[in-house]
Structures are given as structure tokens and as C-alpha cells.
């Protein structure tokens, strides 16, 4: 019986480690309104929450997936891109756990998900 429980735990653990990172995505939010969907990141990407300011006073937000080398940086977006006229600045803060970019500074919940999967596997094993 203990062997079955151990096998279920090992399979669940491998599944939890092997899946792609999912993040919330919001193309552009203004003030505190940012309508989100869920997206799956490519290899080498992390979730990010972006906070910025347009025209020097309007708060804007973004969420999604971002290459690791672009994380935790502030950038300026110009329009047209070749001009010196800054449209907005954006600071993108990254995290690397499942759906961790719910809001800037909030931790992800992947450890909780793994714990729940383990408890469920143990419960099912005891029922069988």
C-alpha cells in the first residue's frame, strides 16, 4: 500500500514540474482596470506585471509572459519608435510560479497547488 502511495506522489510531482508556466495576461490596462485572460509562456519566459505611466500622469498596467533577460527593468516606449518622444515608461517585475502575476508583489500559489495534488493523491490511494 505504501508503495502505491509513493508511486502516485512521484507521478504527481513529475507532472507538476513538467508543465509549462501559465500567467495572467492583460495587453493594456488603464488606471486600476486590467482585464485579464490566462496564457501559457514559452520556454525561457516568466510571468510579469508591468506598472507604468503615460503622458506623465496616467497609470497603465500590463501582464503576461516575458523573456527572462527583460525582467525587472524599466523601459521607455516611443512613438514612432525612432523618435525621442516618450509615450510611456513601464517597469516589468517578473515571477516564475503558476499564475503568480495576479498583482504586483503577490506571491504565486504553485506550492499550494502541489500540496493539494499530493493530499488528493493520498486520499484517492486510501480509497482504493
Protein backbone atom coordinates (compact mmCIF):
# COMPACT_ATOMS: atom_id res chain seq x y z
CA UNK A 1 0.00 0.00 0.00
CA UNK A 2 2.83 2.42 0.85
CA UNK A 3 4.45 1.63 -2.49
CA UNK A 4 1.30 2.70 -4.36
CA UNK A 5 1.15 5.96 -2.42
CA UNK A 6 4.80 6.66 -3.18
CA UNK A 7 4.26 5.95 -6.89
CA UNK A 8 1.24 8.27 -7.02
CA UNK A 9 3.22 11.01 -5.31
CA UNK A 10 6.14 10.58 -7.74
CA UNK A 11 3.84 10.75 -10.79
CA UNK A 12 2.06 13.84 -9.42
CA UNK A 13 5.36 15.54 -8.66
CA UNK A 14 6.72 14.88 -12.16
CA UNK A 15 3.52 16.21 -13.71
CA UNK A 16 3.70 19.38 -11.61
CA UNK A 17 7.30 20.03 -12.69
CA UNK A 18 6.80 19.16 -16.35
CA UNK A 19 4.02 21.51 -17.37
CA UNK A 20 4.51 24.93 -18.93
CA UNK A 21 4.19 28.10 -16.87
CA UNK A 22 0.79 29.80 -17.06
CA UNK A 23 0.36 33.50 -16.40
CA UNK A 24 -2.34 36.13 -16.42
CA UNK A 25 -2.27 38.36 -19.49
CA UNK A 26 -3.52 41.90 -19.92
CA UNK A 27 -2.40 43.74 -23.05
CA UNK A 28 -3.02 47.22 -21.62
CA UNK A 29 -4.91 48.41 -18.56
CA UNK A 30 -5.65 51.98 -17.59
CA UNK A 31 -5.90 53.21 -14.00
CA UNK A 32 -6.83 50.10 -11.98
CA UNK A 33 -8.76 48.31 -14.77
CA UNK A 34 -6.83 45.50 -16.44
CA UNK A 35 -8.98 42.75 -18.00
CA UNK A 36 -7.03 39.51 -17.82
CA UNK A 37 -7.02 36.14 -19.53
CA UNK A 38 -4.73 33.17 -18.92
CA UNK A 39 -1.85 32.38 -21.26
CA UNK A 40 0.92 29.78 -21.46
CA UNK A 41 4.50 31.01 -21.63
CA UNK A 42 7.21 29.82 -23.97
CA UNK A 43 10.38 28.19 -22.67
CA UNK A 44 12.66 30.78 -21.03
CA UNK A 45 9.81 33.15 -20.16
CA UNK A 46 8.47 34.25 -16.79
CA UNK A 47 5.22 35.90 -15.75
CA UNK A 48 5.37 39.66 -15.37
CA UNK A 49 3.33 42.52 -14.00
CA UNK A 50 4.04 45.87 -15.57
CA UNK A 51 3.28 49.23 -13.97
CA UNK A 52 3.88 52.44 -15.83
CA UNK A 53 2.84 55.96 -16.57
CA UNK A 54 1.73 57.53 -19.82
CA UNK A 55 1.97 61.23 -20.58
CA UNK A 56 3.45 61.78 -17.13
CA UNK A 57 0.21 61.23 -15.19
CA UNK A 58 -1.92 58.30 -16.46
CA UNK A 59 -1.30 54.96 -14.70
CA UNK A 60 -1.12 51.97 -17.04
CA UNK A 61 -0.73 48.24 -16.39
CA UNK A 62 0.30 45.15 -18.36
CA UNK A 63 0.59 41.44 -17.53
CA UNK A 64 1.82 38.43 -19.45
CA UNK A 65 4.92 36.41 -20.34
CA UNK A 66 8.34 37.97 -20.77
CA UNK A 67 11.82 36.70 -21.65
CA UNK A 68 13.94 36.40 -18.52
CA UNK A 69 16.58 38.90 -19.70
CA UNK A 70 13.91 41.65 -19.93
CA UNK A 71 12.63 41.11 -16.38
CA UNK A 72 12.81 43.70 -13.60
CA UNK A 73 13.69 46.57 -15.90
CA UNK A 74 12.15 49.93 -16.70
CA UNK A 75 11.79 50.82 -20.37
CA UNK A 76 10.54 53.76 -22.35
CA UNK A 77 8.21 53.32 -25.31
CA UNK A 78 8.47 55.96 -28.03
CA UNK A 79 6.05 56.67 -30.85
CA UNK A 80 7.07 56.44 -33.56
CA UNK A 81 9.78 54.10 -32.32
CA UNK A 82 12.56 56.13 -33.96
CA UNK A 83 11.56 59.40 -32.25
CA UNK A 84 12.64 60.90 -28.93
CA UNK A 85 9.02 61.41 -27.86
CA UNK A 86 8.30 59.04 -24.94
CA UNK A 87 4.70 57.81 -24.89
CA UNK A 88 5.04 55.86 -21.63
CA UNK A 89 7.51 54.25 -19.25
CA UNK A 90 6.92 50.73 -17.93
CA UNK A 91 8.57 48.74 -15.12
CA UNK A 92 8.10 44.99 -15.61
CA UNK A 93 8.52 42.85 -12.50
CA UNK A 94 8.77 39.08 -13.01
CA UNK A 95 7.90 35.96 -11.05
CA UNK A 96 8.20 32.31 -12.05
CA UNK A 97 5.40 30.35 -10.41
CA UNK A 98 1.99 29.36 -11.74
CA UNK A 99 -0.33 32.41 -12.20
CA UNK A 100 1.92 34.46 -9.90
CA UNK A 101 1.26 37.79 -11.62
CA UNK A 102 -2.18 38.36 -10.10
CA UNK A 103 -0.97 41.71 -8.78
CA UNK A 104 2.46 43.28 -8.29
CA UNK A 105 4.17 41.89 -5.23
CA UNK A 106 1.77 39.00 -4.57
CA UNK A 107 3.29 35.53 -4.30
CA UNK A 108 2.29 32.68 -6.56
CA UNK A 109 0.32 29.64 -5.49
CA UNK A 110 2.20 26.76 -7.07
CA UNK A 111 3.36 25.34 -3.73
CA UNK A 112 -0.25 25.28 -2.56
CA UNK A 113 -1.28 23.54 -5.79
CA UNK A 114 1.40 20.90 -5.36
CA UNK A 115 0.36 20.33 -1.74
CA UNK A 116 -3.30 19.94 -2.76
CA UNK A 117 -2.34 17.50 -5.51
CA UNK A 118 -0.36 15.44 -3.00
CA UNK A 119 -3.20 15.36 -0.47
CA UNK A 120 -5.67 14.40 -3.19
CA UNK A 121 -3.40 11.60 -4.41
CA UNK A 122 -3.07 10.26 -0.86
CA UNK A 123 -6.83 10.43 -0.34
CA UNK A 124 -7.53 8.56 -3.60
CA UNK A 125 -4.90 5.96 -2.73
CA UNK A 126 -6.58 5.32 0.62
CA UNK A 127 -9.99 4.94 -1.05
CA UNK A 128 -8.69 2.30 -3.49
